[in-house]
Amino acid sequence: MKKKLYSYDCPSTKRGSTSGIINGCSDGIINLNNLSYKWAYNLWEMMLANTWFPKEVDLTEDARQYRKLLPAEKRLYDKVLSQLIFMDSIQTNNSVDNVNPWITAPEVNMCIVRQSFEEALHSQSYAVMVDSISMNTDEIYEMWRRDEKLKSKNEFIGNVYEKYGQRAIDGDDEAKIYMIIANQCLEGIYFYSGFAGIYVLARAGKMLGSAQMIRFIQRDEVTHLQLFANIYKEIKKENPSLFTNTVIQNIKDMFYQAYELERDWGYYITQEQILGFSNPLIDKFIKYLTNQRLKAIGIEGIFDDEDKNPLTWFESFSSFNEHKTNFFEGNVTNYSKGGISFDDL
């Protein structure tokens, strides 16, 4: 069901620009002086304040170091890039094609379009990294077809979007919930073993330029996670009857599948050959992420005693000079180009 670009039948109400975040009556006009969801405009301003460009990151030293990486480190680096390339590629289109059509709040639509831009920017970042550093350009960009483990992982992700995307557009409200959860799994769990893979190399003093690029990318992902967590909570507030015990259990099952998928991928890309990134640590890290993402949308974590990040060094890589962000709690001390607090979101 195609959403109208504008409508004379839905004049602005006292509530703001729409009567609901989904299934709302909206005229389609972006009136930022009459908002239903003020957090969306605050989030929009934060996204703008975080604007950056991949070619600002110096990768000269990484290109030299890449040639001296141990075989296991080089394998890790290449597979991480291949994983991220695929996921950001599908995410660029997914948000505007499969989510934006059924969001009926113009200010939220703005944020989703901005998210799509940022996913495309991340794809440019990987292209810059591959072109500047790697000696296996074609192999990295073809790995999503040829590496059976990566292919299986990607098909699982793609199939979830395919299964629920059109149903959500056609008006299935339960499918809309699952699309939001799938986004949280991809943005908040699937990406993170990749981020950790680059950071563990940086912890050893290697590929520091690449780690800086990932910091910028991860900072964007914080706003994406917050965006979809807020959409979820608004849908729940406005449509509580949708959230049956069955739906909540399905959400938990989706997160558990995401945990299994990313845990196994972490084992695969490290092969127990990366110092400081053992299989037990990977398992605990992905469990921790899963619990954090569930709690962010008001659901109790599914793993016991996994409330502390086992990669105690991970958070140090979320620093931008004196500006530090806790990427798991969503608390912002400051940003390099803006000082908007997540408390406003």
C-alpha atoms as a PDB file:
ATOM      1  CA  MET A   1       0.000   0.000   0.000  1.00  0.00           C
ATOM      2  CA  LYS A   2       1.658   3.199  -1.181  1.00  0.00           C
ATOM      3  CA  LYS A   3       1.683   6.113   1.212  1.00  0.00           C
ATOM      4  CA  LYS A   4       0.372   9.417  -0.148  1.00  0.00           C
ATOM      5  CA  LEU A   5       2.937  12.186  -0.505  1.00  0.00           C
ATOM      6  CA  TYR A   6       0.442  14.672   0.925  1.00  0.00           C
ATOM      7  CA  SER A   7      -3.215  14.754   1.944  1.00  0.00           C
ATOM      8  CA  TYR A   8      -5.847  17.481   2.325  1.00  0.00           C
ATOM      9  CA  ASP A   9      -7.891  15.156   4.539  1.00  0.00           C
ATOM     10  CA  CYS A  10      -5.538  15.334   7.532  1.00  0.00           C
ATOM     11  CA  PRO A  11      -5.027  18.900   8.721  1.00  0.00           C
ATOM     12  CA  SER A  12      -2.542  19.408  11.557  1.00  0.00           C
ATOM     13  CA  THR A  13      -4.018  18.675  14.966  1.00  0.00           C
ATOM     14  CA  LYS A  14      -3.289  20.010  18.417  1.00  0.00           C
ATOM     15  CA  ARG A  15      -1.178  16.928  18.948  1.00  0.00           C
ATOM     16  CA  GLY A  16       1.195  17.860  16.154  1.00  0.00           C
ATOM     17  CA  SER A  17       1.947  16.686  12.649  1.00  0.00           C
ATOM     18  CA  THR A  18       0.222  13.285  12.850  1.00  0.00           C
ATOM     19  CA  SER A  19      -2.296  11.299  14.873  1.00  0.00           C
ATOM     20  CA  GLY A  20       0.043   8.298  15.197  1.00  0.00           C
ATOM     21  CA  ILE A  21       3.509   7.048  14.360  1.00  0.00           C
ATOM     22  CA  ILE A  22       1.907   4.220  12.368  1.00  0.00           C
ATOM     23  CA  ASN A  23      -1.577   4.260  10.817  1.00  0.00           C
ATOM     24  CA  GLY A  24      -1.775   7.956  11.641  1.00  0.00           C
ATOM     25  CA  CYS A  25      -3.599  10.660   9.773  1.00  0.00           C
ATOM     26  CA  SER A  26      -0.911  13.013   8.470  1.00  0.00           C
ATOM     27  CA  ASP A  27      -0.997  15.682   5.792  1.00  0.00           C
ATOM     28  CA  GLY A  28       2.587  14.751   4.926  1.00  0.00           C
ATOM     29  CA  ILE A  29       3.920  18.281   5.404  1.00  0.00           C
ATOM     30  CA  ILE A  30       7.146  18.586   7.400  1.00  0.00           C
ATOM     31  CA  ASN A  31       6.199  21.278   9.888  1.00  0.00           C
ATOM     32  CA  LEU A  32       8.986  21.380  12.438  1.00  0.00           C
ATOM     33  CA  ASN A  33       7.114  24.001  14.443  1.00  0.00           C
ATOM     34  CA  ASN A  34       4.258  21.596  15.138  1.00  0.00           C
ATOM     35  CA  LEU A  35       5.670  18.230  16.133  1.00  0.00           C
ATOM     36  CA  SER A  36       4.093  15.086  17.493  1.00  0.00           C
ATOM     37  CA  TYR A  37       7.495  13.582  18.371  1.00  0.00           C
ATOM     38  CA  LYS A  38       9.946  16.194  19.579  1.00  0.00           C
ATOM     39  CA  TRP A  39      12.604  13.548  20.141  1.00  0.00           C
ATOM     40  CA  ALA A  40      12.741  12.977  16.377  1.00  0.00           C
ATOM     41  CA  TYR A  41      13.786  16.558  15.682  1.00  0.00           C
ATOM     42  CA  ASN A  42      16.361  16.418  18.482  1.00  0.00           C
ATOM     43  CA  LEU A  43      17.706  13.212  16.955  1.00  0.00           C
ATOM     44  CA  TRP A  44      17.765  14.827  13.504  1.00  0.00           C
ATOM     45  CA  GLU A  45      19.876  17.694  14.857  1.00  0.00           C
ATOM     46  CA  MET A  46      22.261  15.237  16.476  1.00  0.00           C
ATOM     47  CA  MET A  47      22.646  13.361  13.193  1.00  0.00           C
ATOM     48  CA  LEU A  48      23.486  16.614  11.417  1.00  0.00           C
ATOM     49  CA  ALA A  49      25.944  17.597  14.143  1.00  0.00           C
ATOM     50  CA  ASN A  50      27.750  14.273  13.655  1.00  0.00           C
ATOM     51  CA  THR A  51      28.331  14.788   9.920  1.00  0.00           C
ATOM     52  CA  TRP A  52      31.693  13.474   8.762  1.00  0.00           C
ATOM     53  CA  PHE A  53      33.311  12.239   5.548  1.00  0.00           C
ATOM     54  CA  PRO A  54      35.416   9.097   5.038  1.00  0.00           C
ATOM     55  CA  LYS A  55      38.293  10.810   3.258  1.00  0.00           C
ATOM     56  CA  GLU A  56      38.945  12.866   6.388  1.00  0.00           C
ATOM     57  CA  VAL A  57      40.480   9.722   7.957  1.00  0.00           C
ATOM     58  CA  ASP A  58      44.181   9.137   7.267  1.00  0.00           C
ATOM     59  CA  LEU A  59      44.798   5.499   6.307  1.00  0.00           C
ATOM     60  CA  THR A  60      48.382   5.905   5.112  1.00  0.00           C
ATOM     61  CA  GLU A  61      49.926   4.002   8.017  1.00  0.00           C
ATOM     62  CA  ASP A  62      47.261   1.283   7.800  1.00  0.00           C
ATOM     63  CA  ALA A  63      48.260   0.549   4.210  1.00  0.00           C
ATOM     64  CA  ARG A  64      51.818  -0.127   5.399  1.00  0.00           C
ATOM     65  CA  GLN A  65      50.742  -2.142   8.438  1.00  0.00           C
ATOM     66  CA  TYR A  66      48.275  -4.283   6.515  1.00  0.00           C
ATOM     67  CA  ARG A  67      51.156  -5.911   4.638  1.00  0.00           C
ATOM     68  CA  LYS A  68      52.744  -6.901   7.952  1.00  0.00           C
ATOM     69  CA  LEU A  69      49.658  -8.323   9.635  1.00  0.00           C
ATOM     70  CA  LEU A  70      49.777 -11.938  10.694  1.00  0.00           C
ATOM     71  CA  PRO A  71      47.762 -14.228   8.365  1.00  0.00           C
ATOM     72  CA  ALA A  72      45.006 -14.622  10.992  1.00  0.00           C
ATOM     73  CA  GLU A  73      44.836 -10.832  11.464  1.00  0.00           C
ATOM     74  CA  LYS A  74      44.662 -10.183   7.742  1.00  0.00           C
ATOM     75  CA  ARG A  75      41.929 -12.809   7.387  1.00  0.00           C
ATOM     76  CA  LEU A  76      39.980 -11.166  10.218  1.00  0.00           C
ATOM     77  CA  TYR A  77      40.322  -7.703   8.695  1.00  0.00           C
ATOM     78  CA  ASP A  78      39.165  -8.812   5.229  1.00  0.00           C
ATOM     79  CA  LYS A  79      36.187 -10.815   6.481  1.00  0.00           C
ATOM     80  CA  VAL A  80      35.056  -8.004   8.778  1.00  0.00           C
ATOM     81  CA  LEU A  81      35.055  -5.600   5.837  1.00  0.00           C
ATOM     82  CA  SER A  82      33.135  -8.063   3.662  1.00  0.00           C
ATOM     83  CA  GLN A  83      30.521  -8.510   6.379  1.00  0.00           C
ATOM     84  CA  LEU A  84      30.084  -4.771   6.923  1.00  0.00           C
ATOM     85  CA  ILE A  85      29.960  -4.032   3.193  1.00  0.00           C
ATOM     86  CA  PHE A  86      27.000  -6.366   2.703  1.00  0.00           C
ATOM     87  CA  MET A  87      25.035  -5.223   5.734  1.00  0.00           C
ATOM     88  CA  ASP A  88      25.374  -1.505   5.105  1.00  0.00           C
ATOM     89  CA  SER A  89      24.506  -2.068   1.448  1.00  0.00           C
ATOM     90  CA  ILE A  90      21.157  -3.688   2.232  1.00  0.00           C
ATOM     91  CA  GLN A  91      20.513  -1.292   5.099  1.00  0.00           C
ATOM     92  CA  THR A  92      20.807   1.731   2.789  1.00  0.00           C
ATOM     93  CA  ASN A  93      17.738   0.597   0.877  1.00  0.00           C
ATOM     94  CA  ASN A  94      15.880  -1.273   3.606  1.00  0.00           C
ATOM     95  CA  SER A  95      15.180   1.738   5.794  1.00  0.00           C
ATOM     96  CA  VAL A  96      13.648   3.835   3.010  1.00  0.00           C
ATOM     97  CA  ASP A  97      11.986   0.992   1.085  1.00  0.00           C
ATOM     98  CA  ASN A  98      10.661  -1.260   3.855  1.00  0.00           C
ATOM     99  CA  VAL A  99      10.220   1.034   6.871  1.00  0.00           C
ATOM    100  CA  ASN A 100       9.650   4.612   5.784  1.00  0.00           C
ATOM    101  CA  PRO A 101       6.481   3.791   3.773  1.00  0.00           C
ATOM    102  CA  TRP A 102       4.479   2.887   6.900  1.00  0.00           C
ATOM    103  CA  ILE A 103       5.785   5.538   9.286  1.00  0.00           C
ATOM    104  CA  THR A 104       3.159   8.301   9.383  1.00  0.00           C
ATOM    105  CA  ALA A 105       5.127  10.975  11.229  1.00  0.00           C
ATOM    106  CA  PRO A 106       6.993  13.378   8.907  1.00  0.00           C
ATOM    107  CA  GLU A 107       9.646  14.251  11.482  1.00  0.00           C
ATOM    108  CA  VAL A 108      10.404  10.548  11.952  1.00  0.00           C
ATOM    109  CA  ASN A 109      10.493  10.074   8.176  1.00  0.00           C
ATOM    110  CA  MET A 110      13.220  12.725   8.104  1.00  0.00           C
ATOM    111  CA  CYS A 111      15.365  10.720  10.503  1.00  0.00           C
ATOM    112  CA  ILE A 112      14.914   7.503   8.515  1.00  0.00           C
ATOM    113  CA  VAL A 113      16.012   9.211   5.307  1.00  0.00           C
ATOM    114  CA  ARG A 114      19.044  10.613   7.123  1.00  0.00           C
ATOM    115  CA  GLN A 115      19.824   7.124   8.409  1.00  0.00           C
ATOM    116  CA  SER A 116      19.800   5.839   4.846  1.00  0.00           C
ATOM    117  CA  PHE A 117      22.263   8.555   3.840  1.00  0.00           C
ATOM    118  CA  GLU A 118      24.553   7.542   6.673  1.00  0.00           C
ATOM    119  CA  GLU A 119      24.425   3.868   5.680  1.00  0.00           C
ATOM    120  CA  ALA A 120      25.491   4.882   2.171  1.00  0.00           C
ATOM    121  CA  LEU A 121      28.289   6.955   3.695  1.00  0.00           C
ATOM    122  CA  HIS A 122      29.451   3.877   5.582  1.00  0.00           C
ATOM    123  CA  SER A 123      29.589   1.990   2.295  1.00  0.00           C
ATOM    124  CA  GLN A 124      31.855   4.715   0.950  1.00  0.00           C
ATOM    125  CA  SER A 125      33.989   4.327   4.075  1.00  0.00           C
ATOM    126  CA  TYR A 126      34.535   0.639   3.373  1.00  0.00           C
ATOM    127  CA  ALA A 127      35.370   1.404  -0.242  1.00  0.00           C
ATOM    128  CA  VAL A 128      38.009   3.888   0.915  1.00  0.00           C
ATOM    129  CA  MET A 129      39.418   1.332   3.358  1.00  0.00           C
ATOM    130  CA  VAL A 130      39.542  -1.448   0.778  1.00  0.00           C
ATOM    131  CA  ASP A 131      41.015   0.762  -1.928  1.00  0.00           C
ATOM    132  CA  SER A 132      43.601   2.355   0.378  1.00  0.00           C
ATOM    133  CA  ILE A 133      44.666  -0.669   2.365  1.00  0.00           C
ATOM    134  CA  SER A 134      43.769  -4.114   1.104  1.00  0.00           C
ATOM    135  CA  MET A 135      45.499  -6.071  -1.623  1.00  0.00           C
ATOM    136  CA  ASN A 136      42.358  -8.179  -2.140  1.00  0.00           C
ATOM    137  CA  THR A 137      39.819  -5.646  -3.418  1.00  0.00           C
ATOM    138  CA  ASP A 138      37.905  -7.948  -5.749  1.00  0.00           C
ATOM    139  CA  GLU A 139      37.997 -10.833  -3.285  1.00  0.00           C
ATOM    140  CA  ILE A 140      36.557  -8.716  -0.475  1.00  0.00           C
ATOM    141  CA  TYR A 141      33.699  -7.426  -2.610  1.00  0.00           C
ATOM    142  CA  GLU A 142      32.912 -10.934  -3.897  1.00  0.00           C
ATOM    143  CA  MET A 143      33.221 -12.696  -0.547  1.00  0.00           C
ATOM    144  CA  TRP A 144      29.497 -12.313   0.195  1.00  0.00           C
ATOM    145  CA  ARG A 145      28.876 -14.638  -2.777  1.00  0.00           C
ATOM    146  CA  ARG A 146      31.730 -17.101  -2.251  1.00  0.00           C
ATOM    147  CA  ASP A 147      32.273 -17.526   1.486  1.00  0.00           C
ATOM    148  CA  GLU A 148      29.632 -20.061   2.501  1.00  0.00           C
ATOM    149  CA  LYS A 149      29.573 -18.969   6.139  1.00  0.00           C
ATOM    150  CA  LEU A 150      29.121 -15.310   5.197  1.00  0.00           C
ATOM    151  CA  LYS A 151      26.598 -16.222   2.518  1.00  0.00           C
ATOM    152  CA  SER A 152      24.507 -18.197   5.021  1.00  0.00           C
ATOM    153  CA  LYS A 153      24.647 -15.358   7.545  1.00  0.00           C
ATOM    154  CA  ASN A 154      23.654 -12.762   4.949  1.00  0.00           C
ATOM    155  CA  GLU A 155      20.798 -14.880   3.607  1.00  0.00           C
ATOM    156  CA  PHE A 156      19.361 -15.182   7.094  1.00  0.00           C
ATOM    157  CA  ILE A 157      19.405 -11.403   7.498  1.00  0.00           C
ATOM    158  CA  GLY A 158      18.051 -10.766   4.013  1.00  0.00           C
ATOM    159  CA  ASN A 159      15.282 -13.318   4.413  1.00  0.00           C
ATOM    160  CA  VAL A 160      14.018 -11.644   7.596  1.00  0.00           C
ATOM    161  CA  TYR A 161      13.704  -8.335   5.749  1.00  0.00           C
ATOM    162  CA  GLU A 162      12.052 -10.030   2.784  1.00  0.00           C
ATOM    163  CA  LYS A 163       9.607 -11.908   5.012  1.00  0.00           C
ATOM    164  CA  TYR A 164       8.316  -8.914   6.941  1.00  0.00           C
ATOM    165  CA  GLY A 165       9.067  -5.931   4.701  1.00  0.00           C
ATOM    166  CA  GLN A 166       6.203  -6.210   2.224  1.00  0.00           C
ATOM    167  CA  ARG A 167       3.778  -7.425   4.879  1.00  0.00           C
ATOM    168  CA  ALA A 168       4.510  -4.292   6.878  1.00  0.00           C
ATOM    169  CA  ILE A 169       3.938  -2.063   3.850  1.00  0.00           C
ATOM    170  CA  ASP A 170       0.658  -3.886   3.172  1.00  0.00           C
ATOM    171  CA  GLY A 171      -0.604  -2.975   6.645  1.00  0.00           C
ATOM    172  CA  ASP A 172       0.419  -5.903   8.868  1.00  0.00           C
ATOM    173  CA  ASP A 173       1.150  -4.121  12.163  1.00  0.00           C
ATOM    174  CA  GLU A 174       2.790  -7.165  13.744  1.00  0.00           C
ATOM    175  CA  ALA A 175       5.208  -7.326  10.816  1.00  0.00           C
ATOM    176  CA  LYS A 176       6.101  -3.673  11.481  1.00  0.00           C
ATOM    177  CA  ILE A 177       7.192  -4.627  14.986  1.00  0.00           C
ATOM    178  CA  TYR A 178       9.392  -7.408  13.636  1.00  0.00           C
ATOM    179  CA  MET A 179      10.951  -5.062  11.085  1.00  0.00           C
ATOM    180  CA  ILE A 180      11.990  -2.770  13.917  1.00  0.00           C
ATOM    181  CA  ILE A 181      13.436  -5.688  15.875  1.00  0.00           C
ATOM    182  CA  ALA A 182      15.313  -6.966  12.824  1.00  0.00           C
ATOM    183  CA  ASN A 183      16.839  -3.512  12.451  1.00  0.00           C
ATOM    184  CA  GLN A 184      17.917  -3.532  16.108  1.00  0.00           C
ATOM    185  CA  CYS A 185      19.505  -6.953  15.657  1.00  0.00           C
ATOM    186  CA  LEU A 186      21.446  -5.849  12.587  1.00  0.00           C
ATOM    187  CA  GLU A 187      22.507  -2.424  13.860  1.00  0.00           C
ATOM    188  CA  GLY A 188      23.089  -3.413  17.479  1.00  0.00           C
ATOM    189  CA  ILE A 189      24.361  -6.998  17.331  1.00  0.00           C
ATOM    190  CA  TYR A 190      25.441  -8.078  13.838  1.00  0.00           C
ATOM    191  CA  PHE A 191      27.708  -5.077  13.351  1.00  0.00           C
ATOM    192  CA  TYR A 192      29.407  -5.317  16.694  1.00  0.00           C
ATOM    193  CA  SER A 193      31.624  -8.356  16.345  1.00  0.00           C
ATOM    194  CA  GLY A 194      32.935  -6.621  13.229  1.00  0.00           C
ATOM    195  CA  PHE A 195      33.597  -3.415  15.133  1.00  0.00           C
ATOM    196  CA  ALA A 196      35.280  -5.409  17.900  1.00  0.00           C
ATOM    197  CA  GLY A 197      37.423  -7.212  15.308  1.00  0.00           C
ATOM    198  CA  ILE A 198      38.859  -3.912  14.065  1.00  0.00           C
ATOM    199  CA  TYR A 199      39.236  -2.577  17.603  1.00  0.00           C
ATOM    200  CA  VAL A 200      41.130  -5.648  18.813  1.00  0.00           C
ATOM    201  CA  LEU A 201      43.715  -4.984  16.106  1.00  0.00           C
ATOM    202  CA  ALA A 202      43.915  -1.342  17.180  1.00  0.00           C
ATOM    203  CA  ARG A 203      44.392  -2.481  20.768  1.00  0.00           C
ATOM    204  CA  ALA A 204      47.569  -4.177  19.557  1.00  0.00           C
ATOM    205  CA  GLY A 205      48.643  -0.909  17.923  1.00  0.00           C
ATOM    206  CA  LYS A 206      47.636  -2.001  14.417  1.00  0.00           C
ATOM    207  CA  MET A 207      45.266  -0.448  11.843  1.00  0.00           C
ATOM    208  CA  LEU A 208      44.567   2.640  13.935  1.00  0.00           C
ATOM    209  CA  GLY A 209      43.188   4.596  10.984  1.00  0.00           C
ATOM    210  CA  SER A 210      40.657   1.845  10.335  1.00  0.00           C
ATOM    211  CA  ALA A 211      39.644   1.946  13.985  1.00  0.00           C
ATOM    212  CA  GLN A 212      39.053   5.679  13.694  1.00  0.00           C
ATOM    213  CA  MET A 213      36.806   5.085  10.666  1.00  0.00           C
ATOM    214  CA  ILE A 214      34.854   2.491  12.634  1.00  0.00           C
ATOM    215  CA  ARG A 215      34.487   4.951  15.534  1.00  0.00           C
ATOM    216  CA  PHE A 216      32.733   7.386  13.223  1.00  0.00           C
ATOM    217  CA  ILE A 217      30.525   4.610  11.842  1.00  0.00           C
ATOM    218  CA  GLN A 218      29.669   3.333  15.319  1.00  0.00           C
ATOM    219  CA  ARG A 219      28.759   6.830  16.478  1.00  0.00           C
ATOM    220  CA  ASP A 220      26.185   6.935  13.670  1.00  0.00           C
ATOM    221  CA  GLU A 221      24.852   3.548  14.705  1.00  0.00           C
ATOM    222  CA  VAL A 222      24.041   4.904  18.162  1.00  0.00           C
ATOM    223  CA  THR A 223      21.532   7.324  16.665  1.00  0.00           C
ATOM    224  CA  HIS A 224      20.084   4.575  14.458  1.00  0.00           C
ATOM    225  CA  LEU A 225      19.550   2.331  17.457  1.00  0.00           C
ATOM    226  CA  GLN A 226      17.942   5.168  19.383  1.00  0.00           C
ATOM    227  CA  LEU A 227      15.699   6.006  16.421  1.00  0.00           C
ATOM    228  CA  PHE A 228      14.263   2.508  16.141  1.00  0.00           C
ATOM    229  CA  ALA A 229      14.034   1.994  19.895  1.00  0.00           C
ATOM    230  CA  ASN A 230      11.940   5.166  20.080  1.00  0.00           C
ATOM    231  CA  ILE A 231       9.741   4.061  17.170  1.00  0.00           C
ATOM    232  CA  TYR A 232       9.165   0.734  18.953  1.00  0.00           C
ATOM    233  CA  LYS A 233       8.244   2.447  22.223  1.00  0.00           C
ATOM    234  CA  GLU A 234       5.857   4.881  20.508  1.00  0.00           C
ATOM    235  CA  ILE A 235       4.085   2.022  18.719  1.00  0.00           C
ATOM    236  CA  LYS A 236       3.761   0.180  22.021  1.00  0.00           C
ATOM    237  CA  LYS A 237       2.424   3.288  23.762  1.00  0.00           C
ATOM    238  CA  GLU A 238      -0.144   3.968  21.027  1.00  0.00           C
ATOM    239  CA  ASN A 239      -1.061   0.343  20.217  1.00  0.00           C
ATOM    240  CA  PRO A 240      -0.581  -1.710  23.413  1.00  0.00           C
ATOM    241  CA  SER A 241      -2.909  -4.467  22.234  1.00  0.00           C
ATOM    242  CA  LEU A 242      -0.369  -5.454  19.558  1.00  0.00           C
ATOM    243  CA  PHE A 243       2.153  -6.579  22.160  1.00  0.00           C
ATOM    244  CA  THR A 244       0.753  -9.937  23.150  1.00  0.00           C
ATOM    245  CA  ASN A 245       2.744 -12.581  24.997  1.00  0.00           C
ATOM    246  CA  THR A 246       3.241 -14.336  21.666  1.00  0.00           C
ATOM    247  CA  VAL A 247       4.685 -11.210  20.021  1.00  0.00           C
ATOM    248  CA  ILE A 248       7.038 -10.594  22.955  1.00  0.00           C
ATOM    249  CA  GLN A 249       8.217 -14.200  22.786  1.00  0.00           C
ATOM    250  CA  ASN A 250       8.777 -13.875  19.036  1.00  0.00           C
ATOM    251  CA  ILE A 251      10.869 -10.757  19.697  1.00  0.00           C
ATOM    252  CA  LYS A 252      12.989 -12.661  22.220  1.00  0.00           C
ATOM    253  CA  ASP A 253      13.367 -15.518  19.736  1.00  0.00           C
ATOM    254  CA  MET A 254      14.581 -13.111  17.041  1.00  0.00           C
ATOM    255  CA  PHE A 255      17.176 -11.715  19.417  1.00  0.00           C
ATOM    256  CA  TYR A 256      18.291 -15.207  20.411  1.00  0.00           C
ATOM    257  CA  GLN A 257      18.729 -16.140  16.754  1.00  0.00           C
ATOM    258  CA  ALA A 258      20.759 -12.964  16.270  1.00  0.00           C
ATOM    259  CA  TYR A 259      22.956 -13.944  19.213  1.00  0.00           C
ATOM    260  CA  GLU A 260      23.598 -17.426  17.804  1.00  0.00           C
ATOM    261  CA  LEU A 261      24.320 -16.096  14.332  1.00  0.00           C
ATOM    262  CA  GLU A 262      26.773 -13.446  15.465  1.00  0.00           C
ATOM    263  CA  ARG A 263      28.464 -15.675  18.033  1.00  0.00           C
ATOM    264  CA  ASP A 264      29.171 -18.298  15.381  1.00  0.00           C
ATOM    265  CA  TRP A 265      30.376 -15.618  12.961  1.00  0.00           C
ATOM    266  CA  GLY A 266      32.742 -14.286  15.627  1.00  0.00           C
ATOM    267  CA  TYR A 267      34.145 -17.769  16.158  1.00  0.00           C
ATOM    268  CA  TYR A 268      34.579 -18.171  12.409  1.00  0.00           C
ATOM    269  CA  ILE A 269      36.416 -14.929  11.682  1.00  0.00           C
ATOM    270  CA  THR A 270      38.830 -15.321  14.610  1.00  0.00           C
ATOM    271  CA  GLN A 271      39.474 -19.089  14.552  1.00  0.00           C
ATOM    272  CA  GLU A 272      40.750 -18.754  18.154  1.00  0.00           C
ATOM    273  CA  GLN A 273      43.867 -17.109  16.704  1.00  0.00           C
ATOM    274  CA  ILE A 274      43.318 -13.472  17.737  1.00  0.00           C
ATOM    275  CA  LEU A 275      44.852 -12.435  21.049  1.00  0.00           C
ATOM    276  CA  GLY A 276      42.264 -10.918  23.396  1.00  0.00           C
ATOM    277  CA  PHE A 277      39.302 -12.138  21.358  1.00  0.00           C
ATOM    278  CA  SER A 278      38.795 -15.751  22.413  1.00  0.00           C
ATOM    279  CA  ASN A 279      35.624 -17.761  21.848  1.00  0.00           C
ATOM    280  CA  PRO A 280      34.448 -17.462  25.486  1.00  0.00           C
ATOM    281  CA  LEU A 281      34.893 -13.688  25.328  1.00  0.00           C
ATOM    282  CA  ILE A 282      33.040 -13.490  22.013  1.00  0.00           C
ATOM    283  CA  ASP A 283      30.169 -15.519  23.438  1.00  0.00           C
ATOM    284  CA  LYS A 284      29.863 -13.310  26.522  1.00  0.00           C
ATOM    285  CA  PHE A 285      30.193 -10.141  24.428  1.00  0.00           C
ATOM    286  CA  ILE A 286      27.330 -11.081  22.098  1.00  0.00           C
ATOM    287  CA  LYS A 287      25.170 -12.135  25.058  1.00  0.00           C
ATOM    288  CA  TYR A 288      25.885  -8.765  26.660  1.00  0.00           C
ATOM    289  CA  LEU A 289      24.909  -6.927  23.482  1.00  0.00           C
ATOM    290  CA  THR A 290      21.708  -8.946  23.177  1.00  0.00           C
ATOM    291  CA  ASN A 291      20.649  -8.130  26.733  1.00  0.00           C
ATOM    292  CA  GLN A 292      21.439  -4.434  26.238  1.00  0.00           C
ATOM    293  CA  ARG A 293      19.350  -4.194  23.067  1.00  0.00           C
ATOM    294  CA  LEU A 294      16.388  -5.908  24.731  1.00  0.00           C
ATOM    295  CA  LYS A 295      16.545  -3.653  27.775  1.00  0.00           C
ATOM    296  CA  ALA A 296      16.632  -0.576  25.517  1.00  0.00           C
ATOM    297  CA  ILE A 297      13.108  -1.429  24.335  1.00  0.00           C
ATOM    298  CA  GLY A 298      11.799  -2.378  27.768  1.00  0.00           C
ATOM    299  CA  ILE A 299      12.195  -6.165  27.646  1.00  0.00           C
ATOM    300  CA  GLU A 300      14.158  -8.138  30.223  1.00  0.00           C
ATOM    301  CA  GLY A 301      17.417  -9.653  29.000  1.00  0.00           C
ATOM    302  CA  ILE A 302      17.398 -13.333  28.074  1.00  0.00           C
ATOM    303  CA  PHE A 303      20.837 -14.184  29.492  1.00  0.00           C
ATOM    304  CA  ASP A 304      21.688 -14.277  33.197  1.00  0.00           C
ATOM    305  CA  ASP A 305      24.704 -12.417  34.564  1.00  0.00           C
ATOM    306  CA  GLU A 306      25.552 -10.712  31.266  1.00  0.00           C
ATOM    307  CA  ASP A 307      25.150  -7.077  32.246  1.00  0.00           C
ATOM    308  CA  LYS A 308      28.806  -6.070  32.068  1.00  0.00           C
ATOM    309  CA  ASN A 309      30.836  -5.834  28.887  1.00  0.00           C
ATOM    310  CA  PRO A 310      33.446  -8.619  29.056  1.00  0.00           C
ATOM    311  CA  LEU A 311      35.634  -6.734  26.564  1.00  0.00           C
ATOM    312  CA  THR A 312      36.678  -4.224  29.185  1.00  0.00           C
ATOM    313  CA  TRP A 313      38.817  -2.343  26.646  1.00  0.00           C
ATOM    314  CA  PHE A 314      36.003  -1.896  24.121  1.00  0.00           C
ATOM    315  CA  GLU A 315      34.541   1.292  25.526  1.00  0.00           C
ATOM    316  CA  SER A 316      37.874   3.114  25.308  1.00  0.00           C
ATOM    317  CA  PHE A 317      37.515   2.978  21.530  1.00  0.00           C
ATOM    318  CA  SER A 318      34.372   5.099  21.678  1.00  0.00           C
ATOM    319  CA  SER A 319      36.399   8.193  22.524  1.00  0.00           C
ATOM    320  CA  PHE A 320      36.826  11.129  20.161  1.00  0.00           C
ATOM    321  CA  ASN A 321      39.714  12.936  21.856  1.00  0.00           C
ATOM    322  CA  GLU A 322      38.020  14.481  24.930  1.00  0.00           C
ATOM    323  CA  HIS A 323      34.545  13.622  23.630  1.00  0.00           C
ATOM    324  CA  LYS A 324      33.321  10.275  24.909  1.00  0.00           C
ATOM    325  CA  THR A 325      30.195   8.298  24.180  1.00  0.00           C
ATOM    326  CA  ASN A 326      28.962   5.184  25.933  1.00  0.00           C
ATOM    327  CA  PHE A 327      27.684   3.272  22.918  1.00  0.00           C
ATOM    328  CA  PHE A 328      25.835   0.699  24.994  1.00  0.00           C
ATOM    329  CA  GLU A 329      23.941   2.886  27.440  1.00  0.00           C
ATOM    330  CA  GLY A 330      23.185   5.705  24.989  1.00  0.00           C
ATOM    331  CA  ASN A 331      24.482   8.393  27.371  1.00  0.00           C
ATOM    332  CA  VAL A 332      26.252  11.196  25.600  1.00  0.00           C
ATOM    333  CA  THR A 333      28.746  13.365  27.442  1.00  0.00           C
ATOM    334  CA  ASN A 334      29.518  15.407  24.340  1.00  0.00           C
ATOM    335  CA  TYR A 335      29.855  15.112  20.599  1.00  0.00           C
ATOM    336  CA  SER A 336      32.520  16.476  18.332  1.00  0.00           C
ATOM    337  CA  LYS A 337      30.123  18.870  16.603  1.00  0.00           C
ATOM    338  CA  GLY A 338      27.152  19.038  18.931  1.00  0.00           C
ATOM    339  CA  GLY A 339      26.054  18.856  22.521  1.00  0.00           C
ATOM    340  CA  ILE A 340      22.551  17.422  22.298  1.00  0.00           C
ATOM    341  CA  SER A 341      21.768  14.968  25.051  1.00  0.00           C
ATOM    342  CA  PHE A 342      20.027  11.638  24.600  1.00  0.00           C
ATOM    343  CA  ASP A 343      17.898  12.689  27.560  1.00  0.00           C
ATOM    344  CA  ASP A 344      15.960  14.829  25.047  1.00  0.00           C
ATOM    345  CA  LEU A 345      15.231  11.829  22.857  1.00  0.00           C
END
